[in-house]
Each structure stands twice: as C-alpha cells, then as structure tokens.
N, C-alpha and C. Protein backbone atom coordinates (compact mmCIF):
# COMPACT_ATOMS: atom_id res chain seq x y z
N MET A 1 17.05 135.74 83.87
CA MET A 1 16.87 135.01 83.73
C MET A 1 17.67 133.44 84.38
N ILE A 2 18.62 134.19 84.95
CA ILE A 2 19.41 132.77 85.89
C ILE A 2 18.70 133.07 87.04
N LEU A 3 18.50 134.06 87.44
CA LEU A 3 17.36 133.93 88.78
C LEU A 3 16.19 133.32 88.98
N ARG A 4 15.58 133.21 87.72
CA ARG A 4 14.39 132.83 87.92
C ARG A 4 14.81 130.77 88.04
N MET A 5 15.83 130.81 87.21
CA MET A 5 16.37 129.47 87.07
C MET A 5 16.43 128.87 88.44
N ARG A 6 17.56 129.87 89.13
CA ARG A 6 17.88 129.15 90.49
C ARG A 6 16.92 128.99 91.18
N LEU A 7 15.29 129.91 90.93
CA LEU A 7 14.20 129.53 91.78
C LEU A 7 13.38 129.02 91.94
N LEU A 8 13.32 128.53 90.57
CA LEU A 8 12.45 126.95 89.66
C LEU A 8 13.90 126.35 90.38
N ILE A 9 14.50 125.94 90.75
CA ILE A 9 15.56 124.78 91.16
C ILE A 9 15.10 124.75 92.07
N GLY A 10 15.07 125.75 92.88
CA GLY A 10 14.64 125.63 94.96
C GLY A 10 13.71 125.58 95.08
N CYS A 11 12.31 125.80 94.26
CA CYS A 11 11.35 125.13 94.06
C CYS A 11 11.28 123.53 94.25
N VAL A 12 11.50 123.42 92.78
CA VAL A 12 11.64 121.68 92.89
C VAL A 12 12.18 121.00 94.02
N ALA A 13 13.36 121.67 94.38
CA ALA A 13 14.52 121.12 95.80
C ALA A 13 13.05 120.70 96.85
N LEU A 14 12.42 121.98 97.18
CA LEU A 14 11.49 121.80 97.88
C LEU A 14 10.63 120.85 98.08
N LEU A 15 9.83 120.89 97.17
CA LEU A 15 9.17 120.09 96.61
C LEU A 15 9.10 118.41 97.21
N VAL A 16 10.82 118.17 96.35
CA VAL A 16 11.07 116.48 96.52
C VAL A 16 11.43 116.53 97.93
N ALA A 17 11.79 117.58 98.71
CA ALA A 17 12.29 116.84 99.56
C ALA A 17 10.49 116.69 100.89
N ALA A 18 10.08 117.99 100.36
CA ALA A 18 8.79 117.35 101.43
C ALA A 18 8.04 116.29 101.28
N ASN A 19 7.97 115.84 99.76
CA ASN A 19 7.76 114.50 99.32
C ASN A 19 8.36 113.34 99.70
N ALA A 20 9.63 113.18 100.13
CA ALA A 20 10.40 112.41 100.69
C ALA A 20 10.19 112.64 102.40
N ALA A 21 9.98 113.56 102.85
CA ALA A 21 9.71 112.85 104.33
C ALA A 21 8.63 112.56 104.76
N GLY A 22 7.63 112.59 103.94
CA GLY A 22 6.32 111.35 103.88
C GLY A 22 6.59 110.30 104.24
N GLN A 23 5.43 109.69 104.64
CA GLN A 23 5.20 108.19 105.20
C GLN A 23 4.92 107.24 104.02
N VAL A 24 4.90 106.38 104.00
CA VAL A 24 4.95 105.64 102.37
C VAL A 24 4.04 104.55 102.60
N TYR A 25 3.17 104.30 101.85
CA TYR A 25 2.54 103.30 102.16
C TYR A 25 2.50 102.21 101.17
N ARG A 26 1.71 101.00 101.60
CA ARG A 26 1.62 99.63 100.81
C ARG A 26 0.49 99.57 100.31
N TRP A 27 -0.34 99.35 99.19
CA TRP A 27 -1.61 98.27 98.89
C TRP A 27 -1.49 98.12 97.76
N THR A 28 -2.67 96.88 97.50
CA THR A 28 -3.13 96.13 96.36
C THR A 28 -4.06 97.09 95.65
N ASP A 29 -3.97 97.50 94.84
CA ASP A 29 -4.93 98.23 93.71
C ASP A 29 -6.03 97.07 93.32
N GLU A 30 -7.08 97.49 92.31
CA GLU A 30 -8.36 96.65 91.76
C GLU A 30 -7.64 95.09 90.65
N LYS A 31 -6.42 95.66 90.09
CA LYS A 31 -6.07 94.73 89.16
C LYS A 31 -5.10 93.51 89.88
N GLY A 32 -4.68 93.66 91.69
CA GLY A 32 -3.67 93.03 92.18
C GLY A 32 -2.58 93.02 92.10
N ARG A 33 -2.11 94.87 91.51
CA ARG A 33 -0.46 94.83 91.74
C ARG A 33 -0.29 95.60 93.32
N VAL A 34 0.38 95.18 93.67
CA VAL A 34 1.35 95.87 94.76
C VAL A 34 1.58 97.75 94.44
N VAL A 35 1.49 98.42 95.14
CA VAL A 35 1.15 100.13 95.19
C VAL A 35 1.98 100.57 95.92
N TYR A 36 3.50 101.05 95.95
CA TYR A 36 3.93 101.92 96.59
C TYR A 36 3.33 103.72 97.01
N GLY A 37 2.90 104.48 97.93
CA GLY A 37 2.73 105.74 97.56
C GLY A 37 2.65 106.65 98.44
N ASN A 38 2.89 107.43 99.01
CA ASN A 38 1.97 108.42 100.41
C ASN A 38 0.99 108.99 100.10
N GLU A 39 -0.07 108.70 99.26
CA GLU A 39 -1.61 108.93 99.99
C GLU A 39 -2.37 107.47 99.14
N PRO A 40 -2.36 106.26 100.37
CA PRO A 40 -3.55 105.17 99.14
C PRO A 40 -4.51 105.96 98.95
N PRO A 41 -5.77 105.10 98.10
CA PRO A 41 -6.69 105.59 98.17
C PRO A 41 -7.91 105.31 99.44
N ALA A 42 -8.95 106.06 99.56
CA ALA A 42 -9.68 105.48 100.62
C ALA A 42 -10.25 104.10 100.59
N SER A 43 -10.38 103.67 99.81
CA SER A 43 -10.88 102.48 99.61
C SER A 43 -9.92 101.15 99.92
N ALA A 44 -8.15 101.55 99.57
CA ALA A 44 -7.55 100.58 99.58
C ALA A 44 -7.38 100.12 100.76
N LYS A 45 -6.90 99.29 101.71
CA LYS A 45 -6.26 98.52 102.55
C LYS A 45 -4.90 99.02 102.33
N ALA A 46 -4.39 99.75 103.23
CA ALA A 46 -3.07 100.22 103.17
C ALA A 46 -2.37 100.16 104.52
N SER A 47 -1.13 99.88 104.33
CA SER A 47 -0.25 99.68 105.67
C SER A 47 1.08 100.03 105.10
N MET A 48 1.56 100.94 106.50
CA MET A 48 2.43 102.02 106.37
C MET A 48 3.86 100.90 106.36
N VAL A 49 4.92 101.67 105.31
CA VAL A 49 5.74 100.66 105.00
C VAL A 49 7.21 101.44 105.87
N GLN A 50 7.64 100.32 107.11
CA GLN A 50 9.08 101.00 107.80
C GLN A 50 9.80 100.60 107.05
N GLU A 51 10.57 102.11 107.69
CA GLU A 51 11.83 102.25 106.75
C GLU A 51 12.86 100.85 107.52
N ARG A 52 13.30 100.87 107.06
CA ARG A 52 15.01 99.85 107.12
C ARG A 52 16.16 100.34 108.09
N ILE A 53 15.96 100.14 108.76
CA ILE A 53 17.45 100.40 110.19
C ILE A 53 18.83 99.74 109.54
N ASN A 54 20.13 100.06 109.10
CA ASN A 54 20.71 99.43 109.16
C ASN A 54 21.80 99.46 110.08
N SER A 55 22.89 98.58 110.36
CA SER A 55 23.77 98.09 111.03
C SER A 55 24.96 99.33 110.58
N TYR A 56 25.62 100.07 111.25
CA TYR A 56 26.72 100.69 110.92
C TYR A 56 27.90 100.37 111.18
N SER A 57 28.56 99.55 109.61
CA SER A 57 29.45 99.07 109.45
C SER A 57 30.93 99.28 109.26
N GLY A 58 31.02 100.90 109.18
CA GLY A 58 31.80 101.71 108.58
C GLY A 58 33.16 102.20 109.94
N THR A 59 34.18 102.54 110.15
CA THR A 59 35.01 102.53 110.66
C THR A 59 34.08 103.63 111.78
N PRO A 60 33.54 103.17 113.22
CA PRO A 60 33.58 104.38 114.14
C PRO A 60 33.80 106.02 113.87
N GLU A 61 32.77 107.04 113.91
CA GLU A 61 32.58 108.11 113.80
C GLU A 61 32.41 109.06 115.25
N VAL A 62 33.27 109.74 115.41
CA VAL A 62 33.02 110.68 116.48
C VAL A 62 32.58 111.89 116.43
N GLN A 63 31.33 112.49 117.06
CA GLN A 63 31.16 113.71 116.76
C GLN A 63 30.27 114.58 118.04
N ARG A 64 30.39 116.02 117.75
CA ARG A 64 29.92 116.50 118.93
C ARG A 64 28.01 116.00 118.75
N ALA A 65 27.53 116.00 119.40
CA ALA A 65 25.88 116.09 119.35
C ALA A 65 25.23 116.96 119.37
N PRO A 66 24.25 116.90 119.06
CA PRO A 66 23.35 118.20 118.35
C PRO A 66 22.73 118.07 119.66
N ALA A 67 22.08 119.44 120.42
CA ALA A 67 21.91 119.31 122.11
C ALA A 67 20.97 118.21 122.83
N VAL A 68 21.72 117.54 123.17
CA VAL A 68 20.97 115.80 123.93
C VAL A 68 19.70 116.14 124.76
N ARG A 69 18.78 116.02 124.11
CA ARG A 69 17.23 115.90 125.13
C ARG A 69 17.49 114.92 126.59
N ALA A 70 15.78 114.77 126.81
CA ALA A 70 15.90 113.97 127.87
C ALA A 70 15.80 112.11 127.15
N ALA A 71 16.11 111.36 128.03
CA ALA A 71 16.27 109.92 127.27
C ALA A 71 14.35 109.87 127.17
N PRO A 72 14.11 108.81 126.06
CA PRO A 72 12.47 108.49 125.85
C PRO A 72 12.07 108.44 126.96
N ALA A 73 10.75 108.73 126.79
CA ALA A 73 9.73 107.66 128.07
C ALA A 73 10.04 106.56 128.32
N ALA A 74 9.53 106.45 129.83
CA ALA A 74 9.42 105.10 130.51
C ALA A 74 10.83 104.39 130.44
N THR A 75 11.97 105.21 130.87
CA THR A 75 13.21 104.66 131.18
C THR A 75 13.62 104.63 132.37
N PRO A 76 14.25 103.21 132.47
CA PRO A 76 14.43 103.10 134.20
C PRO A 76 16.04 104.14 134.02
N ALA A 77 16.30 105.33 135.17
CA ALA A 77 17.72 106.07 135.58
C ALA A 77 18.86 104.52 135.70
N PRO A 78 20.03 105.63 134.90
CA PRO A 78 21.38 104.39 134.72
C PRO A 78 21.79 104.44 136.11
N ALA A 79 22.38 103.77 136.00
CA ALA A 79 22.91 102.46 137.70
C ALA A 79 23.84 103.89 138.34
N ALA A 80 24.91 104.75 137.81
CA ALA A 80 25.85 105.17 138.20
C ALA A 80 25.09 106.74 137.61
N ALA A 81 24.47 107.31 138.75
CA ALA A 81 23.87 108.56 138.46
C ALA A 81 25.25 109.76 138.80
N THR A 82 26.76 109.69 139.12
CA THR A 82 27.23 110.67 139.03
C THR A 82 28.24 110.56 138.10
N THR A 83 28.51 109.72 137.30
CA THR A 83 28.57 109.84 135.97
C THR A 83 28.10 109.68 134.81
N LEU A 84 28.83 110.60 133.40
CA LEU A 84 27.75 110.88 132.57
C LEU A 84 27.21 109.09 131.37
N PRO A 85 26.03 109.09 132.05
CA PRO A 85 25.41 107.98 130.86
C PRO A 85 25.87 107.59 129.84
N VAL A 86 25.95 106.41 129.71
CA VAL A 86 26.56 106.22 128.12
C VAL A 86 24.71 105.87 127.63
N VAL A 87 24.30 106.14 126.51
CA VAL A 87 23.03 105.86 125.90
C VAL A 87 23.13 104.85 124.31
N MET A 88 23.11 103.80 124.44
CA MET A 88 23.18 103.22 122.89
C MET A 88 21.79 103.05 122.50
N TYR A 89 21.42 103.79 120.82
CA TYR A 89 20.47 103.57 120.20
C TYR A 89 20.86 101.81 119.73
N ALA A 90 20.37 100.93 119.80
CA ALA A 90 20.28 100.08 118.59
C ALA A 90 19.17 98.67 118.24
N THR A 91 19.63 97.67 118.16
CA THR A 91 18.59 96.95 117.72
C THR A 91 18.68 95.60 117.94
N ASP A 92 17.80 94.35 117.94
CA ASP A 92 18.21 93.41 119.04
C ASP A 92 19.22 92.57 118.03
N TRP A 93 19.28 93.15 116.61
CA TRP A 93 19.76 91.84 115.91
C TRP A 93 21.12 92.44 115.19
N CYS A 94 21.74 93.52 115.74
CA CYS A 94 22.90 94.27 114.92
C CYS A 94 23.88 93.25 116.07
N GLY A 95 24.75 92.92 115.15
CA GLY A 95 26.18 92.26 115.49
C GLY A 95 27.32 93.20 116.56
N TYR A 96 27.12 94.74 115.39
CA TYR A 96 27.63 95.96 116.23
C TYR A 96 27.12 96.36 117.85
N CYS A 97 26.10 96.08 118.34
CA CYS A 97 25.42 96.24 118.90
C CYS A 97 25.79 95.07 120.04
N ALA A 98 25.81 93.96 119.97
CA ALA A 98 26.00 93.01 120.42
C ALA A 98 27.56 93.30 121.08
N LYS A 99 28.47 92.97 120.63
CA LYS A 99 29.50 93.30 121.06
C LYS A 99 29.96 95.07 121.70
N ALA A 100 29.29 95.58 121.69
CA ALA A 100 28.84 96.98 122.94
C ALA A 100 28.49 96.49 123.93
N ARG A 101 27.12 95.69 123.80
CA ARG A 101 26.65 95.37 125.31
C ARG A 101 27.67 94.11 125.92
N ALA A 102 28.52 94.02 124.75
CA ALA A 102 29.27 92.73 125.86
C ALA A 102 30.26 94.08 125.94
N HIS A 103 30.95 94.32 125.70
CA HIS A 103 32.19 94.86 125.90
C HIS A 103 31.55 95.66 127.13
N PHE A 104 30.50 96.67 127.31
CA PHE A 104 30.06 97.53 128.56
C PHE A 104 29.57 95.99 129.80
N ALA A 105 29.25 95.18 129.82
CA ALA A 105 29.04 94.33 130.89
C ALA A 105 30.59 93.74 130.93
N ARG A 106 31.66 93.64 129.92
CA ARG A 106 32.97 93.02 130.97
C ARG A 106 33.60 93.99 131.66
N ASN A 107 32.95 95.34 131.32
CA ASN A 107 33.99 96.30 132.08
C ASN A 107 33.32 97.36 133.02
N ARG A 108 32.12 96.67 132.85
CA ARG A 108 31.20 97.30 134.28
C ARG A 108 30.76 98.49 133.68
N ILE A 109 30.44 98.83 132.45
CA ILE A 109 29.74 100.16 132.27
C ILE A 109 27.96 100.24 132.50
N PRO A 110 28.05 101.13 133.24
CA PRO A 110 26.25 101.51 132.85
C PRO A 110 25.86 101.59 131.72
N TYR A 111 24.91 102.24 131.04
CA TYR A 111 24.35 102.51 129.76
C TYR A 111 22.88 101.94 129.87
N LEU A 112 22.04 102.80 129.05
CA LEU A 112 20.16 103.18 128.95
C LEU A 112 20.61 102.23 127.13
N GLU A 113 19.86 101.51 126.70
CA GLU A 113 19.12 101.13 125.55
C GLU A 113 18.49 101.18 125.04
N TYR A 114 17.91 101.96 123.84
CA TYR A 114 16.74 102.13 123.31
C TYR A 114 16.80 101.16 121.67
N ASP A 115 15.70 100.23 121.67
CA ASP A 115 15.53 99.68 121.02
C ASP A 115 15.17 100.43 119.82
N VAL A 116 15.55 101.29 118.56
CA VAL A 116 14.97 101.76 117.52
C VAL A 116 14.33 101.42 116.55
N GLU A 117 13.78 100.04 116.68
CA GLU A 117 12.69 99.70 115.60
C GLU A 117 11.16 99.13 116.49
N LYS A 118 11.68 99.07 117.94
CA LYS A 118 10.63 99.13 118.91
C LYS A 118 9.62 100.49 119.74
N ASN A 119 10.36 101.66 120.13
CA ASN A 119 10.41 102.66 120.58
C ASN A 119 10.01 103.68 119.38
N PRO A 120 8.93 104.16 119.48
CA PRO A 120 9.00 105.51 118.28
C PRO A 120 9.66 106.57 119.04
N ALA A 121 9.45 106.75 119.88
CA ALA A 121 10.77 107.86 120.73
C ALA A 121 11.94 107.62 120.35
N ALA A 122 12.32 106.61 120.89
CA ALA A 122 14.04 106.44 120.51
C ALA A 122 14.05 106.46 119.16
N HIS A 123 13.54 106.26 118.17
CA HIS A 123 13.72 106.19 116.55
C HIS A 123 13.29 107.76 116.58
N ALA A 124 12.64 108.39 116.77
CA ALA A 124 12.83 109.78 116.82
C ALA A 124 14.34 110.66 117.25
N GLU A 125 14.32 110.37 118.07
CA GLU A 125 15.66 110.66 119.02
C GLU A 125 16.63 110.02 118.01
N PHE A 126 16.97 109.57 117.50
CA PHE A 126 18.24 107.84 116.79
C PHE A 126 17.97 109.09 115.74
N LYS A 127 17.22 109.49 114.94
CA LYS A 127 17.17 110.32 114.09
C LYS A 127 17.72 111.88 114.15
N ARG A 128 16.95 112.12 115.08
CA ARG A 128 17.59 113.77 115.67
C ARG A 128 19.04 114.01 115.33
N LEU A 129 19.64 112.99 115.82
CA LEU A 129 20.90 113.00 116.38
C LEU A 129 21.74 112.48 115.05
N GLY A 130 20.66 112.27 113.68
CA GLY A 130 21.68 111.84 112.61
C GLY A 130 21.88 110.42 112.81
N GLY A 131 21.22 109.65 113.33
CA GLY A 131 21.32 108.59 113.10
C GLY A 131 21.05 107.58 111.01
N ARG A 132 22.03 106.87 111.12
CA ARG A 132 21.52 106.26 109.85
C ARG A 132 21.97 105.10 109.78
N GLY A 133 22.30 104.46 111.01
CA GLY A 133 22.83 102.91 111.38
C GLY A 133 22.56 102.77 112.78
N VAL A 134 22.68 101.46 113.11
CA VAL A 134 23.06 101.58 114.53
C VAL A 134 24.31 100.09 114.91
N PRO A 135 25.18 100.64 115.93
CA PRO A 135 24.68 101.30 116.93
C PRO A 135 25.26 102.77 116.71
N LEU A 136 24.35 103.65 117.35
CA LEU A 136 24.84 105.10 117.68
C LEU A 136 25.10 104.89 119.17
N ILE A 137 25.84 105.17 119.70
CA ILE A 137 25.74 105.66 121.14
C ILE A 137 26.58 107.48 121.54
N VAL A 138 26.05 107.52 122.65
CA VAL A 138 25.88 109.13 122.76
C VAL A 138 26.21 109.20 123.95
N HIS A 139 27.56 110.11 125.08
CA HIS A 139 27.65 110.10 125.97
C HIS A 139 28.32 110.82 125.61
N GLY A 140 27.84 112.36 127.18
CA GLY A 140 28.37 113.75 126.71
C GLY A 140 27.57 113.89 125.99
N ALA A 141 28.40 114.84 125.22
CA ALA A 141 27.96 116.12 124.00
C ALA A 141 28.59 115.36 123.05
N ASN A 142 28.85 113.70 123.02
CA ASN A 142 29.40 113.37 121.66
C ASN A 142 28.73 111.91 121.03
N VAL A 143 28.50 112.01 119.78
CA VAL A 143 27.56 110.70 119.68
C VAL A 143 28.78 109.80 118.62
N MET A 144 28.94 108.40 119.11
CA MET A 144 29.56 107.50 117.99
C MET A 144 28.85 106.96 117.29
N ARG A 145 28.80 106.86 115.40
CA ARG A 145 28.08 105.66 114.84
C ARG A 145 29.15 104.81 115.15
N GLY A 146 28.63 103.36 115.10
CA GLY A 146 29.41 102.09 115.05
C GLY A 146 29.90 101.78 116.50
N PHE A 147 31.17 100.89 116.37
CA PHE A 147 31.34 100.64 117.64
C PHE A 147 32.60 100.20 117.57
N SER A 148 33.91 100.19 118.31
CA SER A 148 34.66 99.29 118.17
C SER A 148 35.25 99.65 119.88
N GLU A 149 35.63 98.81 120.36
CA GLU A 149 36.47 99.50 121.95
C GLU A 149 37.13 100.59 121.68
N GLN A 150 37.82 100.23 120.96
CA GLN A 150 39.21 101.52 120.91
C GLN A 150 38.47 102.73 120.97
N SER A 151 37.87 103.25 119.60
CA SER A 151 36.63 104.00 119.62
C SER A 151 36.09 104.58 120.70
N PHE A 152 35.63 103.49 121.53
CA PHE A 152 34.50 103.62 122.50
C PHE A 152 35.30 104.61 123.87
N GLU A 153 36.55 103.76 123.83
CA GLU A 153 37.44 104.23 124.97
C GLU A 153 37.93 105.38 124.75
N ALA A 154 38.33 105.80 123.84
CA ALA A 154 38.56 107.16 123.77
C ALA A 154 37.57 108.50 123.67
N LEU A 155 36.23 107.66 123.01
CA LEU A 155 34.82 108.64 123.89
C LEU A 155 34.75 108.65 125.34
N LEU A 156 34.97 107.91 125.80
CA LEU A 156 34.98 108.40 127.31
C LEU A 156 36.05 108.88 127.63
N ALA A 157 36.67 108.62 127.34
CA ALA A 157 38.44 109.33 127.68
C ALA A 157 38.14 111.04 126.87
N ARG A 158 37.43 111.32 126.21
CA ARG A 158 37.21 112.64 125.66
C ARG A 158 36.55 113.02 126.75
N ASN A 159 35.60 112.46 127.40
CA ASN A 159 34.58 113.27 128.34
C ASN A 159 34.80 113.03 129.92
N GLY A 160 36.42 112.60 130.30
CA GLY A 160 37.05 112.61 131.24
C GLY A 160 36.48 111.51 131.83
N ARG A 161 35.94 110.36 131.01
CA ARG A 161 35.77 109.07 132.81
C ARG A 161 37.26 108.42 132.76
C-alpha cells in the first residue's frame, strides 16, 4: 500500500514538472476573456508569454558553475585573451548590472555581456547555469549571483587574478 502511494505521488510529481516546463500561451476566447494555457485552440490568435526575469537583490552568492560551455553565438572575443574572461548575463534595466558595468569600466576589467531578454541562446545558458535573477557573473569555474564590488573582487582572487 505504501509503495503504491509513493508511486502515485511520484507520477503526479512528474506530470506537474512536465507541465511546468512547457511554454505558456495567452489568447482571448470567444467570450472576450483572456485565457492562459499550454495549448491554445487552433482558431485562437495566441501569443507566447515571456518569462519575467528579476534582478538578484540578495547577498551575492558564489558557487561552482556547471561545466561552462562556449559563449552564445555571435560574440566578440574577450579583450584580454591571456586571462579568464568575465561573462555577465544581464538586462539593460537592471541596477545591479549597471553597478557591475561601472566597476568593470573603472577597473579596466574586460568582460562579455549577454542580454538574457534579447538573446535566446544567452537566456538558455543563463538558465542552465542556474540563473534566477540578474546579474549572473561567470569567471572561471565559478558563478556569482548578484553583484557587490567586494564579492566580485573575492571571486577574481579565488581564480588567481
């Protein structure tokens, strides 16, 4: 009996996870009501609902990154090829991203920036790296969520810069 209950709960969890991973669409039904779902009717003019990206406002976290892949397509090479590149996944409206950009400029730190709202490949890599908010900064085998000058300098020191 307990085994069957665990199996049932496991199946329900898988169904919920599969449904949550799908795309969400928005359309207006025949009565003029706005409807959200994962499968719009063929006759409806539906649009995809874009996931909202938040600014990471908590205390910056540094963790080991999953295996870092090549940068998203159509990317310029880093300015200093002899050092590990700093890669920032950001948005143009994020205040913490602006602080990171200013710090990089003041300290002449070369970096690559990807806008996760405008570049689908960057958004996919951001999610793969565990991105939940911006900025997400990658340096070497480490990922930093959020930004503070002190945490960023510790990240660079950790990687031998």
